[in-house]
Amino acid sequence: MVRSKYVVFLKPHVVKIMEEELPKPQGNEVLIRTKLTLISAGTELTALTGNFPPGSRWANYVRYPFRPGYCNVGIVEEVGGDVKEINVGDVVVSTAHHSQYALMSSDNVIKVPGGVHLEEAVFHTIAAGVMHSVRISGVTLGTSVVVIGLGILGQMAVQFSRLCGAYPVIGIDLYEKRLEIGKKSGATHIVNARTEDVHEEVRRITEGNMADIVFEVTGSPDVIPWAIKLVRPMGRLIILSSPRGPTTLDFHDEVNAPSRIIQGTHFSSQPEVETYYYPWTRRRNTKLFLKMLADGIVKVRHLITHIIPFERANEAYELLLKRKEETLAVLLDFRKKS
């Protein structure tokens, strides 16, 4: 048995550190000692605040007490008798929560290649989901892309779109710091929605054509009705965020008449099993992300604004809630003994 502290939301706006005992791994299980976790701000702040409609899919997902977190990197401490390809001492990523130790099926654990820093590997779950979104959106060489919302997902949508050959890639946000980071992620143009006319700027940058593909990454239902106006006729609006509540949209004027396509790209739609038609499972996307980190093709270190000891998780969430203008990727650090 091992004692493990973990982060939990007891109810809206209440963050606690609690403790549990974990048994030794059995069969196909591995015991992981966490080094770092990444706060997925959109998901976790929604769960923390309870800001979602009753009866929604959000309400079904968030049940208090709620254990947040799904971006974990750590070291394998013990393995069950049936585990064959993972060894004690391996550095691995998994979807474990914000906890000192995690007991996971080896099927959901992936080794980190040599040369990849822990601070970079911890982005894996989000990276895999955004890869999936960009891939099925149809971004190709010369596609004009707009990304609305330059949080972690939006920054990665910018970077992966550029890797696919998109041009221009226009990043839109309310905060100057995120816009400046967006340039480092690969945005060819940035637009401050607080001070600039977004529609006119996109029209100017695309020479009157508007965008082939627009990624909505804010999570706000109110953004969708004006985001779709940035899409050219026959173009696509990609809902990469998980909006919190209903949206009112004139489907005739904004979808039917211009023949625009609206497509959801939730992380959960990554298939569990590879097929010849679509081999890109979450596991395969994760491995690709880690390989690209190892080879220097993808960059994520510039997204990190804070690394905070996990015992101060409450401060980390307060920071993300109240100081959005200066925060982006916030990591919880489990490397020091409490």
Protein backbone atom coordinates (compact mmCIF):
# COMPACT_ATOMS: atom_id res chain seq x y z
CA MET A 1 0.00 0.00 0.00
CA VAL A 2 1.08 3.58 -0.67
CA ARG A 3 -0.42 6.77 0.72
CA SER A 4 -1.15 9.41 -1.90
CA LYS A 5 -2.34 12.99 -1.67
CA TYR A 6 -4.63 14.29 -4.41
CA VAL A 7 -6.55 17.37 -5.50
CA VAL A 8 -10.35 17.32 -5.28
CA PHE A 9 -13.20 19.79 -5.78
CA LEU A 10 -15.55 19.06 -2.89
CA LYS A 11 -18.16 21.40 -4.33
CA PRO A 12 -18.12 24.52 -6.53
CA HIS A 13 -15.23 26.84 -5.59
CA VAL A 14 -13.86 24.49 -2.91
CA VAL A 15 -10.43 22.94 -3.61
CA LYS A 16 -8.95 20.49 -1.10
CA ILE A 17 -5.92 18.25 -0.79
CA MET A 18 -7.00 14.84 0.49
CA GLU A 19 -5.26 11.54 1.04
CA GLU A 20 -5.95 7.93 0.11
CA GLU A 21 -4.29 4.52 0.18
CA LEU A 22 -3.52 2.75 -3.08
CA PRO A 23 -2.94 -1.01 -3.28
CA LYS A 24 -0.06 -2.66 -5.06
CA PRO A 25 -0.54 -2.97 -8.83
CA GLN A 26 -2.08 -6.22 -10.01
CA GLY A 27 -2.22 -7.87 -13.42
CA ASN A 28 -1.91 -5.20 -16.11
CA GLU A 29 -1.62 -2.27 -13.68
CA VAL A 30 1.28 0.11 -13.06
CA LEU A 31 1.87 2.39 -10.10
CA ILE A 32 3.09 5.85 -11.15
CA ARG A 33 4.75 8.43 -8.91
CA THR A 34 3.70 11.76 -10.35
CA LYS A 35 6.29 14.40 -11.21
CA LEU A 36 4.13 17.09 -12.86
CA THR A 37 0.57 17.62 -13.96
CA LEU A 38 -0.92 20.28 -16.21
CA ILE A 39 -4.15 22.07 -15.35
CA SER A 40 -6.51 21.90 -18.31
CA ALA A 41 -8.02 25.28 -17.57
CA GLY A 42 -11.17 25.08 -19.70
CA THR A 43 -12.34 21.76 -18.31
CA GLU A 44 -11.16 22.23 -14.76
CA LEU A 45 -12.36 25.79 -14.22
CA THR A 46 -15.76 24.81 -15.59
CA ALA A 47 -15.86 21.96 -13.06
CA LEU A 48 -14.56 24.15 -10.24
CA THR A 49 -17.08 26.95 -10.79
CA GLY A 50 -20.03 24.72 -11.67
CA ASN A 51 -20.70 27.10 -14.55
CA PHE A 52 -22.73 24.79 -16.77
CA PRO A 53 -26.45 24.14 -17.34
CA PRO A 54 -28.28 21.58 -15.19
CA GLY A 55 -29.05 18.41 -17.12
CA SER A 56 -26.27 19.05 -19.65
CA ARG A 57 -23.47 16.68 -20.59
CA TRP A 58 -21.26 18.87 -18.42
CA ALA A 59 -23.55 18.19 -15.46
CA ASN A 60 -23.30 14.46 -16.08
CA TYR A 61 -19.48 14.66 -16.24
CA VAL A 62 -18.92 16.86 -13.18
CA ARG A 63 -20.15 15.10 -10.04
CA TYR A 64 -18.89 16.40 -6.69
CA PRO A 65 -16.60 15.50 -5.09
CA PHE A 66 -14.81 15.81 -8.46
CA ARG A 67 -11.21 14.76 -9.08
CA PRO A 68 -9.69 16.98 -11.77
CA GLY A 69 -6.75 16.44 -14.08
CA TYR A 70 -5.86 14.27 -17.06
CA CYS A 71 -2.35 15.44 -18.04
CA ASN A 72 0.14 13.54 -15.91
CA VAL A 73 3.85 12.70 -16.28
CA GLY A 74 5.67 10.53 -13.75
CA ILE A 75 7.95 7.60 -12.96
CA VAL A 76 6.85 3.95 -12.80
CA GLU A 77 7.29 2.70 -9.22
CA GLU A 78 5.84 -0.81 -9.48
CA VAL A 79 4.25 -3.02 -12.14
CA GLY A 80 1.74 -5.85 -12.05
CA GLY A 81 2.68 -9.40 -13.05
CA ASP A 82 1.14 -9.14 -16.54
CA VAL A 83 2.90 -5.93 -17.59
CA LYS A 84 5.49 -6.64 -20.28
CA GLU A 85 6.59 -3.45 -22.06
CA ILE A 86 6.80 -1.01 -19.15
CA ASN A 87 9.47 -1.26 -16.48
CA VAL A 88 10.11 0.23 -13.07
CA GLY A 89 11.93 3.53 -13.56
CA ASP A 90 10.37 4.37 -16.93
CA VAL A 91 9.22 7.96 -17.45
CA VAL A 92 5.62 7.78 -18.63
CA VAL A 93 2.58 9.90 -19.42
CA SER A 94 -1.00 9.02 -18.57
CA THR A 95 -4.42 10.55 -17.99
CA ALA A 96 -4.11 10.21 -14.21
CA HIS A 97 -5.56 12.95 -12.00
CA HIS A 98 -3.65 15.53 -9.97
CA SER A 99 -2.32 13.04 -7.41
CA GLN A 100 1.02 12.02 -5.92
CA TYR A 101 0.57 8.43 -7.06
CA ALA A 102 -1.71 6.83 -9.64
CA LEU A 103 -2.69 3.25 -10.34
CA MET A 104 -3.28 2.90 -14.07
CA SER A 105 -3.79 0.19 -16.67
CA SER A 106 -0.61 -0.19 -18.71
CA ASP A 107 -2.79 0.16 -21.82
CA ASN A 108 -3.23 3.82 -20.88
CA VAL A 109 0.42 4.52 -20.10
CA ILE A 110 2.94 5.65 -22.71
CA LYS A 111 6.72 5.86 -22.38
CA VAL A 112 8.38 9.24 -22.87
CA PRO A 113 11.30 9.22 -25.34
CA GLY A 114 14.74 10.26 -24.13
CA GLY A 115 15.49 13.94 -24.45
CA VAL A 116 11.92 15.09 -23.78
CA HIS A 117 11.64 17.28 -20.68
CA LEU A 118 8.93 16.54 -18.13
CA GLU A 119 7.59 20.09 -18.48
CA GLU A 120 6.97 19.42 -22.18
CA ALA A 121 5.66 15.85 -22.00
CA VAL A 122 2.91 16.87 -19.57
CA PHE A 123 0.98 18.58 -22.40
CA HIS A 124 0.27 15.19 -24.04
CA THR A 125 -3.49 14.76 -23.52
CA ILE A 126 -4.32 18.24 -24.78
CA ALA A 127 -1.86 17.93 -27.66
CA ALA A 128 -3.40 14.65 -28.82
CA GLY A 129 -6.89 16.14 -28.77
CA VAL A 130 -5.88 19.24 -30.71
CA MET A 131 -4.01 17.12 -33.27
CA HIS A 132 -7.23 15.21 -33.78
CA SER A 133 -9.19 18.43 -34.24
CA VAL A 134 -6.76 19.94 -36.76
CA ARG A 135 -6.49 16.67 -38.68
CA ILE A 136 -10.22 16.10 -39.15
CA SER A 137 -10.87 19.79 -39.85
CA GLY A 138 -9.06 19.35 -43.17
CA VAL A 139 -6.26 21.91 -42.77
CA THR A 140 -3.87 21.59 -45.71
CA LEU A 141 -1.20 23.63 -47.50
CA GLY A 142 -2.47 27.18 -48.00
CA THR A 143 -5.63 26.84 -45.88
CA SER A 144 -6.50 30.16 -44.24
CA VAL A 145 -7.13 29.55 -40.53
CA VAL A 146 -8.54 31.67 -37.71
CA VAL A 147 -8.14 30.53 -34.09
CA ILE A 148 -10.43 32.30 -31.63
CA GLY A 149 -9.17 31.94 -28.06
CA LEU A 150 -5.44 31.53 -27.44
CA GLY A 151 -5.46 29.40 -24.33
CA ILE A 152 -3.46 26.16 -24.38
CA LEU A 153 -5.75 24.49 -26.93
CA GLY A 154 -5.82 27.56 -29.13
CA GLN A 155 -2.02 27.90 -29.06
CA MET A 156 -1.68 24.29 -30.12
CA ALA A 157 -4.29 24.72 -32.85
CA VAL A 158 -2.15 27.55 -34.20
CA GLN A 159 1.02 25.47 -34.09
CA PHE A 160 -0.43 22.29 -35.61
CA SER A 161 -2.22 24.28 -38.32
CA ARG A 162 1.09 25.85 -39.30
CA LEU A 163 2.73 22.41 -39.35
CA CYS A 164 0.00 21.29 -41.77
CA GLY A 165 0.84 24.21 -44.07
CA ALA A 166 -1.93 26.66 -43.19
CA TYR A 167 -1.42 30.28 -44.26
CA PRO A 168 -2.37 32.74 -43.00
CA VAL A 169 -2.97 31.63 -39.41
CA ILE A 170 -4.76 34.39 -37.51
CA GLY A 171 -4.85 34.28 -33.70
CA ILE A 172 -7.62 36.17 -31.89
CA ASP A 173 -7.82 36.87 -28.16
CA LEU A 174 -8.62 39.59 -25.63
CA TYR A 175 -5.25 39.56 -23.86
CA GLU A 176 -1.99 40.95 -25.23
CA LYS A 177 0.18 38.37 -23.46
CA ARG A 178 -1.67 35.49 -25.10
CA LEU A 179 -1.48 37.22 -28.46
CA GLU A 180 2.28 37.64 -28.11
CA ILE A 181 2.63 33.98 -27.14
CA GLY A 182 0.49 33.19 -30.17
CA LYS A 183 3.21 34.65 -32.39
CA LYS A 184 5.70 32.22 -30.84
CA SER A 185 3.25 29.39 -31.52
CA GLY A 186 3.25 30.30 -35.20
CA ALA A 187 0.44 32.80 -35.74
CA THR A 188 1.21 34.87 -38.83
CA HIS A 189 -1.21 37.57 -37.67
CA ILE A 190 -2.80 38.46 -34.33
CA VAL A 191 -5.98 40.43 -33.62
CA ASN A 192 -7.03 41.87 -30.26
CA ALA A 193 -10.81 41.40 -30.09
CA ARG A 194 -11.03 44.02 -27.34
CA THR A 195 -9.55 46.86 -29.41
CA GLU A 196 -9.86 45.85 -33.08
CA ASP A 197 -12.68 45.06 -35.51
CA VAL A 198 -12.16 41.30 -35.86
CA HIS A 199 -14.38 40.87 -38.91
CA GLU A 200 -12.68 43.66 -40.84
CA GLU A 201 -9.19 42.50 -39.87
CA VAL A 202 -9.89 38.94 -41.04
CA ARG A 203 -11.37 40.30 -44.26
CA ARG A 204 -8.27 42.44 -44.82
CA ILE A 205 -5.77 39.67 -44.04
CA THR A 206 -7.57 37.15 -46.27
CA GLU A 207 -7.95 39.71 -49.07
CA GLY A 208 -11.73 39.66 -48.81
CA ASN A 209 -12.12 35.87 -48.89
CA MET A 210 -12.60 35.29 -45.13
CA ALA A 211 -11.29 32.13 -43.48
CA ASP A 212 -11.40 28.61 -44.86
CA ILE A 213 -11.46 27.21 -41.32
CA VAL A 214 -12.24 28.90 -38.00
CA PHE A 215 -11.46 27.14 -34.71
CA GLU A 216 -13.64 28.28 -31.81
CA VAL A 217 -11.62 27.67 -28.64
CA THR A 218 -13.19 29.96 -26.03
CA GLY A 219 -15.90 27.72 -24.61
CA SER A 220 -18.34 30.64 -24.68
CA PRO A 221 -21.67 30.00 -26.44
CA ASP A 222 -21.89 33.74 -27.15
CA VAL A 223 -18.81 33.66 -29.37
CA ILE A 224 -20.20 31.13 -31.87
CA PRO A 225 -22.74 33.44 -33.61
CA TRP A 226 -20.05 35.97 -34.56
CA ALA A 227 -17.30 33.39 -35.08
CA ILE A 228 -19.22 31.78 -37.90
CA LYS A 229 -19.34 35.13 -39.73
CA LEU A 230 -15.55 34.86 -40.16
CA VAL A 231 -15.97 31.67 -42.23
CA ARG A 232 -16.10 31.95 -46.02
CA PRO A 233 -18.99 30.34 -47.96
CA MET A 234 -18.50 26.55 -47.99
CA GLY A 235 -15.90 26.93 -45.19
CA ARG A 236 -15.85 25.25 -41.80
CA LEU A 237 -16.45 26.34 -38.21
CA ILE A 238 -14.69 23.88 -35.90
CA ILE A 239 -15.90 23.72 -32.30
CA LEU A 240 -12.70 22.70 -30.52
CA SER A 241 -13.77 24.03 -27.12
CA SER A 242 -16.58 22.52 -25.08
CA PRO A 243 -19.15 25.35 -24.95
CA ARG A 244 -21.01 25.80 -21.69
CA GLY A 245 -24.64 26.23 -22.64
CA PRO A 246 -26.87 26.77 -25.67
CA THR A 247 -26.16 29.03 -28.64
CA THR A 248 -28.70 30.97 -30.69
CA LEU A 249 -27.85 30.95 -34.39
CA ASP A 250 -29.73 31.91 -37.55
CA PHE A 251 -29.14 28.70 -39.47
CA HIS A 252 -30.59 30.01 -42.70
CA ASP A 253 -28.45 33.13 -42.89
CA GLU A 254 -25.24 31.76 -41.37
CA VAL A 255 -25.25 28.06 -42.33
CA ASN A 256 -27.75 27.21 -45.03
CA ALA A 257 -27.38 30.15 -47.43
CA PRO A 258 -23.55 30.32 -47.35
CA SER A 259 -23.36 26.50 -47.12
CA ARG A 260 -20.98 26.62 -44.19
CA ILE A 261 -20.12 23.46 -42.25
CA ILE A 262 -20.14 23.29 -38.43
CA GLN A 263 -18.09 20.45 -36.98
CA GLY A 264 -17.45 19.36 -33.41
CA THR A 265 -14.06 17.84 -32.61
CA HIS A 266 -14.21 16.65 -29.01
CA PHE A 267 -11.18 14.82 -27.58
CA SER A 268 -13.42 11.81 -26.87
CA SER A 269 -14.01 11.23 -30.59
CA GLN A 270 -10.47 9.94 -31.00
CA PRO A 271 -11.11 6.26 -31.75
CA GLU A 272 -10.05 3.55 -29.35
CA VAL A 273 -8.89 1.22 -32.12
CA GLU A 274 -6.79 1.90 -35.23
CA THR A 275 -8.32 1.18 -38.63
CA TYR A 276 -6.97 1.53 -42.16
CA TYR A 277 -9.46 4.35 -42.70
CA TYR A 278 -8.49 6.30 -39.57
CA PRO A 279 -5.55 5.06 -37.50
CA TRP A 280 -5.20 8.10 -35.25
CA THR A 281 -6.18 6.91 -31.78
CA ARG A 282 -5.40 9.01 -28.70
CA ARG A 283 -2.47 6.67 -28.01
CA ARG A 284 -1.04 7.13 -31.50
CA ASN A 285 -1.56 10.90 -31.41
CA THR A 286 0.22 11.01 -28.04
CA LYS A 287 3.18 9.02 -29.33
CA LEU A 288 3.44 11.32 -32.34
CA PHE A 289 3.40 14.40 -30.11
CA LEU A 290 6.18 12.99 -27.91
CA LYS A 291 8.30 12.09 -30.95
CA MET A 292 7.87 15.58 -32.38
CA LEU A 293 8.92 17.05 -29.05
CA ALA A 294 12.02 14.84 -29.06
CA ASP A 295 12.90 16.00 -32.58
CA GLY A 296 12.25 19.67 -31.87
CA ILE A 297 9.38 19.91 -34.36
CA VAL A 298 6.80 20.99 -31.76
CA LYS A 299 7.45 23.61 -29.05
CA VAL A 300 5.43 23.99 -25.86
CA ARG A 301 7.81 25.39 -23.24
CA HIS A 302 6.85 28.97 -24.19
CA LEU A 303 3.28 28.21 -23.10
CA ILE A 304 4.24 27.68 -19.45
CA THR A 305 3.61 30.73 -17.26
CA HIS A 306 3.59 29.15 -13.77
CA ILE A 307 4.84 26.01 -11.99
CA ILE A 308 3.24 25.74 -8.53
CA PRO A 309 3.68 23.10 -5.77
CA PHE A 310 0.62 20.85 -5.79
CA GLU A 311 -0.09 21.59 -2.12
CA ARG A 312 -0.94 25.12 -3.29
CA ALA A 313 -3.40 23.94 -5.94
CA ASN A 314 -6.04 26.32 -4.58
CA GLU A 315 -3.72 29.25 -5.41
CA ALA A 316 -3.16 27.88 -8.89
CA TYR A 317 -6.88 27.79 -9.63
CA GLU A 318 -7.42 31.24 -8.16
CA LEU A 319 -4.65 32.52 -10.41
CA LEU A 320 -6.32 31.05 -13.49
CA LEU A 321 -9.72 32.41 -12.50
CA LYS A 322 -8.71 35.93 -11.53
CA ARG A 323 -5.60 36.73 -13.59
CA LYS A 324 -6.32 35.39 -17.04
CA GLU A 325 -4.40 38.22 -18.62
CA GLU A 326 -1.10 36.83 -17.27
CA THR A 327 -1.64 33.07 -17.10
CA LEU A 328 -1.61 30.30 -19.67
CA ALA A 329 -0.21 26.84 -18.89
CA VAL A 330 -0.08 26.28 -15.12
CA LEU A 331 1.70 23.14 -13.92
CA LEU A 332 1.35 21.47 -10.52
CA ASP A 333 4.69 20.26 -9.18
CA PHE A 334 4.79 16.97 -7.22
CA ARG A 335 8.58 16.62 -7.24
CA LYS A 336 9.19 17.89 -3.70
CA LYS A 337 8.25 15.95 -0.61
CA SER A 338 5.39 17.50 1.30
